Amino acid sequence: MIELRIPEVGESVQEALLAQWLKKDGESVKKDEILLVIETEKVTLEISAPADGILKILVQEGETVRVGTVVAQIDPAAGKVVEEAQKRPEKPEAFEEKEKAPAPVAREFIPPARPAPQPSPPTAAEKAFAPKAEEASPVVIISSSVRTLAQEKGVDLSTVTPTGPGGRITEGDVLLRLEQHAPEKGAAAKAPKPEYPRAELQAGTGPPSEETVRRTMSPIRQRIAARLLEATQTTAMLTTFNEIDMSRVQALRKQFGDEFRQKYEIRLGLMSFFIKASVSALKEMPEVNAFIEGTEILYHNSYHIGVAIGAERGLIVPVIRNAERLGFAALERAIVDFAKKVEENKIEISDLEGGTFTITNGGVFGSLLSTPILNPPQSAILGMHKIEDRPIVVAGQIVIRPMMYVALTYDHRMIDGRQAVTFLRRIKDFVENPERIMMEI
């Protein structure tokens, strides 16, 4: 009997939430097949089967267990028995009947019957209206949280297309179905509603109020809440703003984007420009890349840039280490790889540790302006936002340019206002003049 335990995912992580079983108790599983999804305070992980066999579940989904706990067992012997039984050929009944059939008896010769006429092939119209054979529908995995959300929103899960790993339906799939079929909500709104007399409404005896739903916060959401509260309570946060003309960057992407993609097999995005600009500015102002530890200041000679990625269960900030050594293609590839790992629940604790400066892009969600919160023990975080055409004055003339608001939130204990404004101004200079990044001037 092989035991399936909750793995260690980091020194600081002691327990995990068993979020979802992707296989049922007693089912046959294959080696490396994903069996369950667990959530810790930092990451979401998928655990695979260590061997072939029959699964015996010991801990049900929704329970929180400590690292190292045995949550299931796999019986490889039972799996082999089932596999051999499926491969064993059965003795055909037709063969037995053939052996027991009586000897043939001589009969009077009868000429063979004329073959029946074959039906003519169907026309295109007949094919169009002919009933189609029913196809076996795939097994769709649905967690209890997704079922609850679907019931609240009135979404029929049989109409939802699953996009999660292992063919499971995620909460995002339910919300996407809800957005794509907004008219259905209107149709439901047209249904007759019970009318209540005005006197009953005034007396408070009218229609009942909507029921509330109580859910336990996931470990990741609990960790996010704790970190944000820690940042607001232990740092002196202040935010300064500026705006950047994105014309030159957009022109470069348009001019060299196709060649860049053909050479490096990856798209040239905006984030690599801001990472390069941030590294150049951090080299000029090392205080922004430093930490406060007690009464001491810890300066970093390397530039490990955290890039915030929005995930289904919360915000994840993987770290691009030694960003100063990487070119545009390597930076873009690192971002894409991290996004894929987050989507597939394969992000590791080591991917999230060691950041010295963070960049977050609220513009991908349509944010025009915001004040990002620090990621302790870091001293600063840069916020990017939506690019929007706005009128500005250039050389005494009013022109329309693609503009982006940027925000720098910083720890005022470590960084003075003059330093913060100067740092953000340098970011603006580097992005508006990308040649400075290449020439390091």
Protein backbone atom coordinates (compact mmCIF):
# COMPACT_ATOMS: atom_id res chain seq x y z
CA MET A 1 0.00 0.00 0.00
CA ILE A 2 1.52 3.33 -1.10
CA GLU A 3 0.79 6.39 1.08
CA LEU A 4 -0.01 9.79 -0.41
CA ARG A 5 1.17 12.59 1.89
CA ILE A 6 0.93 16.38 1.86
CA PRO A 7 4.38 17.46 0.61
CA GLU A 8 6.64 20.08 2.14
CA VAL A 9 6.45 23.30 0.11
CA GLY A 10 8.55 25.60 2.28
CA GLU A 11 9.95 26.01 5.77
CA SER A 12 7.30 28.54 6.78
CA VAL A 13 4.35 26.47 5.51
CA GLN A 14 3.03 24.02 8.12
CA GLU A 15 -0.45 23.16 6.86
CA ALA A 16 -2.54 23.03 3.70
CA LEU A 17 -6.17 23.03 2.66
CA LEU A 18 -7.27 20.00 0.65
CA ALA A 19 -9.16 22.03 -1.95
CA GLN A 20 -10.34 19.37 -4.42
CA TRP A 21 -10.11 15.70 -5.25
CA LEU A 22 -9.95 15.08 -8.99
CA LYS A 23 -10.49 11.33 -8.53
CA LYS A 24 -13.12 9.43 -6.55
CA ASP A 25 -12.58 6.88 -3.81
CA GLY A 26 -12.09 3.41 -5.30
CA GLU A 27 -11.19 4.64 -8.78
CA SER A 28 -8.25 3.29 -10.75
CA VAL A 29 -5.42 5.83 -11.19
CA LYS A 30 -2.31 5.97 -13.33
CA LYS A 31 1.18 7.09 -12.36
CA ASP A 32 1.71 10.88 -12.67
CA GLU A 33 -2.05 11.43 -13.03
CA ILE A 34 -3.22 14.50 -11.06
CA LEU A 35 -5.23 13.35 -8.02
CA LEU A 36 -5.87 16.41 -5.85
CA VAL A 37 -5.34 20.15 -5.47
CA ILE A 38 -4.06 21.67 -2.22
CA GLU A 39 -3.84 25.31 -1.16
CA THR A 40 -1.25 26.71 1.21
CA GLU A 41 -0.88 30.26 2.43
CA LYS A 42 1.42 31.00 -0.51
CA VAL A 43 0.71 28.69 -3.45
CA THR A 44 -1.79 26.27 -4.96
CA LEU A 45 -0.34 22.89 -5.89
CA GLU A 46 -1.49 19.80 -7.79
CA ILE A 47 -0.40 16.41 -6.43
CA SER A 48 0.05 13.47 -8.80
CA ALA A 49 -0.19 9.72 -8.27
CA PRO A 50 3.18 8.11 -7.43
CA ALA A 51 2.15 4.78 -9.00
CA ASP A 52 -0.66 2.88 -10.71
CA GLY A 53 -3.35 1.39 -8.51
CA ILE A 54 -6.69 1.84 -6.78
CA LEU A 55 -7.21 5.08 -4.83
CA LYS A 56 -8.45 5.01 -1.24
CA ILE A 57 -9.26 8.51 0.06
CA LEU A 58 -8.62 9.10 3.78
CA VAL A 59 -9.19 12.88 4.05
CA GLN A 60 -12.10 14.60 2.33
CA GLU A 61 -11.80 17.88 0.43
CA GLY A 62 -12.35 21.05 2.42
CA GLU A 63 -10.29 19.86 5.41
CA THR A 64 -7.06 21.54 6.57
CA VAL A 65 -4.23 19.15 7.38
CA ARG A 66 -0.61 19.49 8.43
CA VAL A 67 2.31 18.93 6.08
CA GLY A 68 3.21 15.21 5.99
CA THR A 69 -0.33 13.99 6.71
CA VAL A 70 -1.39 10.85 4.83
CA VAL A 71 -4.49 11.87 2.86
CA ALA A 72 -4.88 8.77 0.69
CA GLN A 73 -3.50 5.34 -0.12
CA ILE A 74 -2.88 3.63 -3.46
CA ASP A 75 -3.14 -0.15 -3.69
CA PRO A 76 -0.95 -1.21 -6.64
CA ALA A 77 -1.91 -4.91 -6.27
CA ALA A 78 -5.62 -4.14 -6.63
CA GLY A 79 -4.84 -2.06 -9.68
CA LYS A 80 -3.02 -4.96 -11.33
CA VAL A 81 -5.95 -7.31 -10.63
CA VAL A 82 -8.37 -4.87 -12.27
CA GLU A 83 -6.05 -4.38 -15.23
CA GLU A 84 -5.59 -8.13 -15.77
CA ALA A 85 -9.34 -8.68 -15.53
CA GLN A 86 -9.89 -6.07 -18.21
CA LYS A 87 -7.28 -7.68 -20.48
CA ARG A 88 -8.49 -11.31 -19.98
CA PRO A 89 -10.32 -12.51 -23.17
CA GLU A 90 -13.77 -13.92 -22.70
CA LYS A 91 -14.84 -17.13 -24.45
CA PRO A 92 -17.17 -16.12 -27.27
CA GLU A 93 -20.71 -17.44 -26.93
CA ALA A 94 -21.08 -17.75 -30.68
CA PHE A 95 -18.24 -20.28 -30.71
CA GLU A 96 -19.95 -22.44 -28.07
CA GLU A 97 -23.23 -22.39 -29.97
CA LYS A 98 -21.41 -23.35 -33.14
CA GLU A 99 -19.97 -26.45 -31.43
CA LYS A 100 -23.37 -27.56 -30.12
CA ALA A 101 -25.23 -26.97 -33.40
CA PRO A 102 -26.68 -30.22 -34.96
CA ALA A 103 -25.25 -31.66 -38.14
CA PRO A 104 -26.67 -30.21 -41.35
CA VAL A 105 -29.63 -32.05 -42.97
CA ALA A 106 -29.96 -32.51 -46.77
CA ARG A 107 -32.68 -30.28 -48.17
CA GLU A 108 -34.34 -29.61 -51.49
CA PHE A 109 -32.46 -27.12 -53.65
CA ILE A 110 -33.98 -23.65 -53.50
CA PRO A 111 -32.69 -20.92 -55.80
CA PRO A 112 -31.20 -17.98 -53.92
CA ALA A 113 -33.45 -15.01 -53.36
CA ARG A 114 -32.89 -11.89 -55.43
CA PRO A 115 -30.88 -9.37 -53.39
CA ALA A 116 -32.89 -6.50 -51.98
CA PRO A 117 -32.29 -3.15 -53.66
CA GLN A 118 -29.77 -0.97 -51.83
CA PRO A 119 -31.05 2.43 -50.66
CA SER A 120 -29.72 5.39 -52.60
CA PRO A 121 -27.25 7.62 -50.77
CA PRO A 122 -28.93 10.43 -48.79
CA THR A 123 -29.09 13.88 -50.29
CA ALA A 124 -27.48 16.94 -48.67
CA ALA A 125 -30.85 18.02 -47.27
CA GLU A 126 -31.45 14.57 -45.76
CA LYS A 127 -28.02 14.66 -44.18
CA ALA A 128 -28.70 18.07 -42.67
CA PHE A 129 -31.93 16.92 -40.99
CA ALA A 130 -30.83 13.39 -40.13
CA PRO A 131 -30.62 12.73 -36.36
CA LYS A 132 -27.05 12.56 -35.11
CA ALA A 133 -25.74 9.76 -32.93
CA GLU A 134 -25.29 10.72 -29.32
CA GLU A 135 -21.73 11.22 -28.26
CA ALA A 136 -20.48 10.23 -24.84
CA SER A 137 -20.08 13.38 -22.84
CA PRO A 138 -16.74 13.77 -21.00
CA VAL A 139 -16.65 13.61 -17.24
CA VAL A 140 -16.46 17.17 -15.88
CA ILE A 141 -14.96 17.68 -12.42
CA ILE A 142 -16.82 20.18 -10.24
CA SER A 143 -15.80 21.29 -6.75
CA SER A 144 -18.25 22.19 -4.01
CA SER A 145 -17.28 25.88 -4.17
CA VAL A 146 -18.02 25.98 -7.90
CA ARG A 147 -21.40 24.29 -7.35
CA THR A 148 -22.28 26.85 -4.67
CA LEU A 149 -21.32 29.74 -6.95
CA ALA A 150 -23.34 28.29 -9.84
CA GLN A 151 -26.41 27.93 -7.60
CA GLU A 152 -26.06 31.52 -6.37
CA LYS A 153 -25.76 32.90 -9.91
CA GLY A 154 -28.35 30.58 -11.45
CA VAL A 155 -25.90 29.07 -13.95
CA ASP A 156 -26.52 25.61 -15.42
CA LEU A 157 -23.17 23.80 -15.06
CA SER A 158 -23.94 21.55 -18.04
CA THR A 159 -23.62 24.64 -20.27
CA VAL A 160 -20.25 25.75 -18.85
CA THR A 161 -17.05 24.98 -20.79
CA PRO A 162 -14.30 23.74 -18.40
CA THR A 163 -10.82 25.27 -18.73
CA GLY A 164 -9.19 24.15 -15.49
CA PRO A 165 -6.49 21.45 -15.22
CA GLY A 166 -7.80 17.89 -15.39
CA GLY A 167 -10.97 19.03 -17.16
CA ARG A 168 -12.49 20.70 -14.10
CA ILE A 169 -14.78 23.73 -14.05
CA THR A 170 -13.36 26.76 -12.25
CA GLU A 171 -15.19 29.71 -10.71
CA GLY A 172 -13.85 31.82 -13.56
CA ASP A 173 -15.61 29.53 -16.07
CA VAL A 174 -18.92 30.07 -14.26
CA LEU A 175 -18.48 33.85 -14.20
CA LEU A 176 -17.47 33.87 -17.88
CA ARG A 177 -20.63 31.92 -18.76
CA LEU A 178 -22.64 34.43 -16.75
CA GLU A 179 -21.09 37.39 -18.61
CA GLN A 180 -21.49 35.83 -22.06
CA HIS A 181 -25.19 35.15 -21.51
CA ALA A 182 -26.26 38.35 -19.81
CA PRO A 183 -29.61 38.36 -21.72
CA GLU A 184 -30.61 35.28 -19.76
CA LYS A 185 -30.55 37.44 -16.65
CA GLY A 186 -32.89 39.88 -18.33
CA ALA A 187 -35.25 37.08 -19.23
CA ALA A 188 -35.25 35.91 -15.64
CA ALA A 189 -35.96 39.44 -14.50
CA LYS A 190 -39.14 39.44 -16.58
CA ALA A 191 -40.59 36.60 -14.52
CA PRO A 192 -43.56 37.75 -12.41
CA LYS A 193 -42.63 38.80 -8.90
CA PRO A 194 -44.94 38.61 -5.90
CA GLU A 195 -46.52 41.94 -5.08
CA TYR A 196 -46.66 43.14 -1.50
CA PRO A 197 -49.06 45.77 -0.23
CA ARG A 198 -47.54 49.14 0.57
CA ALA A 199 -48.68 48.80 4.21
CA GLU A 200 -46.72 45.55 4.61
CA LEU A 201 -43.60 47.12 3.13
CA GLN A 202 -43.85 50.10 5.50
CA ALA A 203 -44.44 47.79 8.46
CA GLY A 204 -41.35 45.70 7.60
CA THR A 205 -43.37 42.55 6.87
CA GLY A 206 -42.78 42.62 3.11
CA PRO A 207 -40.52 40.36 1.04
CA PRO A 208 -37.74 38.60 2.95
CA SER A 209 -34.20 39.93 2.58
CA GLU A 210 -31.62 37.98 0.59
CA GLU A 211 -29.78 35.23 2.41
CA THR A 212 -26.09 35.69 3.19
CA VAL A 213 -23.41 33.17 2.30
CA ARG A 214 -20.51 32.49 4.64
CA ARG A 215 -17.30 30.98 3.29
CA THR A 216 -13.96 30.21 4.89
CA MET A 217 -11.11 32.27 3.48
CA SER A 218 -8.62 30.21 1.49
CA PRO A 219 -5.08 29.98 2.94
CA ILE A 220 -3.76 32.18 0.14
CA ARG A 221 -6.39 34.86 0.78
CA GLN A 222 -5.64 34.70 4.54
CA ARG A 223 -1.95 35.17 3.79
CA ILE A 224 -2.66 38.10 1.46
CA ALA A 225 -4.83 39.74 4.11
CA ALA A 226 -2.15 39.29 6.77
CA ARG A 227 0.60 40.69 4.53
CA LEU A 228 -1.44 43.73 3.53
CA LEU A 229 -2.33 44.44 7.16
CA GLU A 230 1.32 44.05 8.13
CA ALA A 231 2.34 46.53 5.43
CA THR A 232 -0.12 49.18 6.62
CA GLN A 233 0.79 48.72 10.30
CA THR A 234 4.59 48.43 10.15
CA THR A 235 5.55 50.86 7.37
CA ALA A 236 5.10 54.57 6.71
CA MET A 237 3.58 54.28 3.24
CA LEU A 238 3.31 57.24 0.91
CA THR A 239 2.55 57.36 -2.82
CA THR A 240 3.79 59.75 -5.51
CA PHE A 241 2.43 59.93 -9.07
CA ASN A 242 3.55 60.87 -12.54
CA GLU A 243 2.49 60.24 -16.14
CA ILE A 244 4.43 58.76 -19.04
CA ASP A 245 4.12 59.38 -22.76
CA MET A 246 4.15 55.86 -24.26
CA SER A 247 4.55 56.99 -27.88
CA ARG A 248 8.19 55.93 -28.29
CA VAL A 249 7.67 52.52 -26.70
CA GLN A 250 4.62 51.82 -28.84
CA ALA A 251 6.51 52.93 -31.96
CA LEU A 252 9.40 50.56 -31.13
CA ARG A 253 7.04 47.66 -30.52
CA LYS A 254 5.28 48.34 -33.81
CA GLN A 255 8.54 48.71 -35.73
CA PHE A 256 10.41 45.70 -34.33
CA GLY A 257 7.60 43.57 -32.87
CA ASP A 258 7.37 41.11 -35.77
CA GLU A 259 11.14 40.66 -36.04
CA PHE A 260 11.38 40.23 -32.27
CA ARG A 261 8.70 37.52 -32.31
CA GLN A 262 10.33 35.69 -35.24
CA LYS A 263 13.77 35.72 -33.63
CA TYR A 264 12.86 34.95 -30.02
CA GLU A 265 9.44 33.27 -30.50
CA ILE A 266 7.85 35.56 -27.93
CA ARG A 267 5.92 38.82 -28.00
CA LEU A 268 7.57 42.09 -27.05
CA GLY A 269 5.43 43.45 -24.22
CA LEU A 270 5.45 46.54 -22.04
CA MET A 271 6.66 44.94 -18.81
CA SER A 272 10.20 44.35 -20.06
CA PHE A 273 10.61 48.10 -20.73
CA PHE A 274 9.50 48.95 -17.19
CA ILE A 275 11.72 46.26 -15.65
CA LYS A 276 14.70 47.61 -17.57
CA ALA A 277 13.82 51.18 -16.58
CA SER A 278 13.39 50.16 -12.92
CA VAL A 279 16.76 48.38 -12.80
CA SER A 280 18.49 51.45 -14.27
CA ALA A 281 16.78 53.75 -11.76
CA LEU A 282 17.53 51.39 -8.85
CA LYS A 283 21.23 51.45 -9.72
CA GLU A 284 21.18 55.23 -9.40
CA MET A 285 19.20 55.18 -6.13
CA PRO A 286 20.17 52.09 -4.07
CA GLU A 287 17.95 53.15 -1.14
CA VAL A 288 14.86 52.15 -3.14
CA ASN A 289 16.32 48.64 -3.49
CA ALA A 290 17.18 48.33 0.22
CA PHE A 291 15.41 46.91 3.30
CA ILE A 292 15.09 48.11 6.88
CA GLU A 293 16.10 45.44 9.41
CA GLY A 294 15.72 46.77 12.93
CA THR A 295 18.08 49.73 13.20
CA GLU A 296 20.10 48.71 10.15
CA ILE A 297 19.70 49.17 6.39
CA LEU A 298 20.33 46.16 4.13
CA TYR A 299 21.51 47.22 0.66
CA HIS A 300 21.25 44.79 -2.26
CA ASN A 301 23.76 44.63 -5.10
CA SER A 302 21.41 42.42 -7.15
CA TYR A 303 18.06 43.38 -8.59
CA HIS A 304 15.39 40.73 -8.04
CA ILE A 305 12.20 42.15 -9.53
CA GLY A 306 8.81 40.80 -8.44
CA VAL A 307 6.07 40.89 -11.10
CA ALA A 308 2.50 40.75 -9.76
CA ILE A 309 0.27 38.24 -11.59
CA GLY A 310 -3.46 38.02 -10.92
CA ALA A 311 -4.55 34.41 -10.27
CA GLU A 312 -7.97 32.89 -9.64
CA ARG A 313 -7.29 32.46 -5.92
CA GLY A 314 -5.38 35.70 -5.35
CA LEU A 315 -2.44 37.86 -6.36
CA ILE A 316 0.86 36.00 -6.88
CA VAL A 317 4.23 37.81 -7.11
CA PRO A 318 6.91 35.58 -8.66
CA VAL A 319 10.44 37.01 -8.71
CA ILE A 320 12.73 37.46 -11.72
CA ARG A 321 16.18 37.07 -10.20
CA ASN A 322 19.15 39.13 -11.38
CA ALA A 323 17.02 41.09 -13.81
CA GLU A 324 20.02 43.32 -14.53
CA ARG A 325 21.64 40.41 -16.42
CA LEU A 326 18.66 39.67 -18.66
CA GLY A 327 17.71 41.11 -22.03
CA PHE A 328 14.24 42.00 -23.26
CA ALA A 329 13.55 38.50 -24.65
CA ALA A 330 14.67 36.74 -21.47
CA LEU A 331 12.50 39.03 -19.34
CA GLU A 332 9.42 38.49 -21.50
CA ARG A 333 9.99 34.73 -21.50
CA ALA A 334 10.35 34.67 -17.71
CA ILE A 335 7.04 36.53 -17.33
CA VAL A 336 5.22 34.15 -19.69
CA ASP A 337 6.69 31.10 -17.93
CA PHE A 338 5.59 32.39 -14.53
CA ALA A 339 2.08 33.16 -15.81
CA LYS A 340 1.81 29.63 -17.17
CA LYS A 341 2.99 28.11 -13.89
CA VAL A 342 0.46 30.19 -11.95
CA GLU A 343 -2.35 29.13 -14.30
CA GLU A 344 -1.40 25.44 -14.03
CA ASN A 345 -0.89 25.60 -10.23
CA LYS A 346 2.77 24.68 -10.59
CA ILE A 347 4.31 27.77 -8.99
CA GLU A 348 6.87 26.94 -6.28
CA ILE A 349 7.74 28.70 -3.04
CA SER A 350 11.25 29.41 -4.37
CA ASP A 351 9.66 31.36 -7.25
CA LEU A 352 8.10 33.80 -4.76
CA GLU A 353 11.02 34.49 -2.45
CA GLY A 354 13.88 37.00 -2.51
CA GLY A 355 12.32 39.97 -4.32
CA THR A 356 13.88 43.40 -3.73
CA PHE A 357 11.46 45.56 -5.78
CA THR A 358 7.98 44.90 -7.19
CA ILE A 359 6.09 46.05 -10.29
CA THR A 360 2.32 45.63 -10.61
CA ASN A 361 0.26 46.40 -13.71
CA GLY A 362 -3.34 47.27 -12.90
CA GLY A 363 -3.76 48.51 -16.45
CA VAL A 364 -4.42 44.98 -17.74
CA PHE A 365 -7.67 45.10 -15.74
CA GLY A 366 -8.54 48.63 -16.89
CA SER A 367 -7.28 50.56 -13.85
CA LEU A 368 -6.56 54.21 -14.68
CA LEU A 369 -4.97 55.13 -11.33
CA SER A 370 -4.34 53.38 -8.00
CA THR A 371 -2.05 53.37 -4.96
CA PRO A 372 -0.27 50.00 -4.68
CA ILE A 373 0.56 48.59 -1.25
CA LEU A 374 4.11 47.64 -0.28
CA ASN A 375 5.29 44.04 -0.30
CA PRO A 376 7.30 43.85 2.98
CA PRO A 377 10.21 43.92 3.61
CA GLN A 378 10.61 45.77 0.31
CA SER A 379 10.79 49.56 0.47
CA ALA A 380 8.96 50.44 -2.77
CA ILE A 381 6.53 49.19 -5.41
CA LEU A 382 5.82 50.61 -8.87
CA GLY A 383 2.26 50.65 -10.20
CA MET A 384 1.55 50.70 -13.95
CA HIS A 385 -1.87 51.59 -15.31
CA LYS A 386 -4.03 51.72 -18.41
CA ILE A 387 -2.71 53.52 -21.51
CA GLU A 388 -5.23 56.12 -22.62
CA ASP A 389 -5.12 58.75 -25.36
CA ARG A 390 -5.15 62.19 -23.73
CA PRO A 391 -4.47 65.77 -24.86
CA ILE A 392 -1.15 67.14 -23.64
CA VAL A 393 0.93 70.21 -24.47
CA VAL A 394 4.14 69.58 -26.46
CA ALA A 395 6.25 72.54 -27.60
CA GLY A 396 3.32 74.87 -27.05
CA GLN A 397 0.93 72.73 -29.11
CA ILE A 398 -1.96 70.57 -27.88
CA VAL A 399 -1.48 67.02 -29.18
CA ILE A 400 -3.05 63.63 -28.48
CA ARG A 401 -0.64 61.08 -27.01
CA PRO A 402 -0.99 57.62 -25.44
CA MET A 403 -0.44 58.39 -21.76
CA MET A 404 -0.03 56.17 -18.71
CA TYR A 405 -0.28 57.20 -15.06
CA VAL A 406 2.37 55.57 -12.86
CA ALA A 407 2.50 55.42 -9.07
CA LEU A 408 5.36 54.72 -6.68
CA THR A 409 4.42 53.69 -3.15
CA TYR A 410 7.41 53.81 -0.80
CA ASP A 411 8.34 53.43 2.85
CA HIS A 412 8.90 56.98 4.07
CA ARG A 413 11.11 55.68 6.91
CA MET A 414 13.63 54.61 4.29
CA ILE A 415 13.02 56.89 1.31
CA ASP A 416 12.53 60.65 1.41
CA GLY A 417 10.02 62.42 -0.79
CA ARG A 418 12.80 63.95 -2.90
CA GLN A 419 14.27 60.51 -3.59
CA ALA A 420 10.89 59.01 -4.43
CA VAL A 421 9.95 61.78 -6.85
CA THR A 422 13.39 61.66 -8.48
CA PHE A 423 13.20 57.88 -8.83
CA LEU A 424 9.81 58.02 -10.53
CA ARG A 425 11.04 60.84 -12.75
CA ARG A 426 13.92 58.62 -13.87
CA ILE A 427 11.45 55.84 -14.70
CA LYS A 428 9.57 58.35 -16.84
CA ASP A 429 12.77 59.46 -18.61
CA PHE A 430 13.84 55.89 -19.38
CA VAL A 431 10.46 54.80 -20.75
CA GLU A 432 9.86 57.94 -22.78
CA ASN A 433 13.38 57.60 -24.22
CA PRO A 434 14.00 53.82 -24.49
CA GLU A 435 17.40 54.49 -26.06
CA ARG A 436 18.62 55.51 -22.60
CA ILE A 437 17.94 51.96 -21.39
CA MET A 438 20.06 50.47 -24.18
CA MET A 439 22.86 53.00 -23.69
CA GLU A 440 22.56 52.98 -19.86
CA ILE A 441 22.58 56.77 -19.66
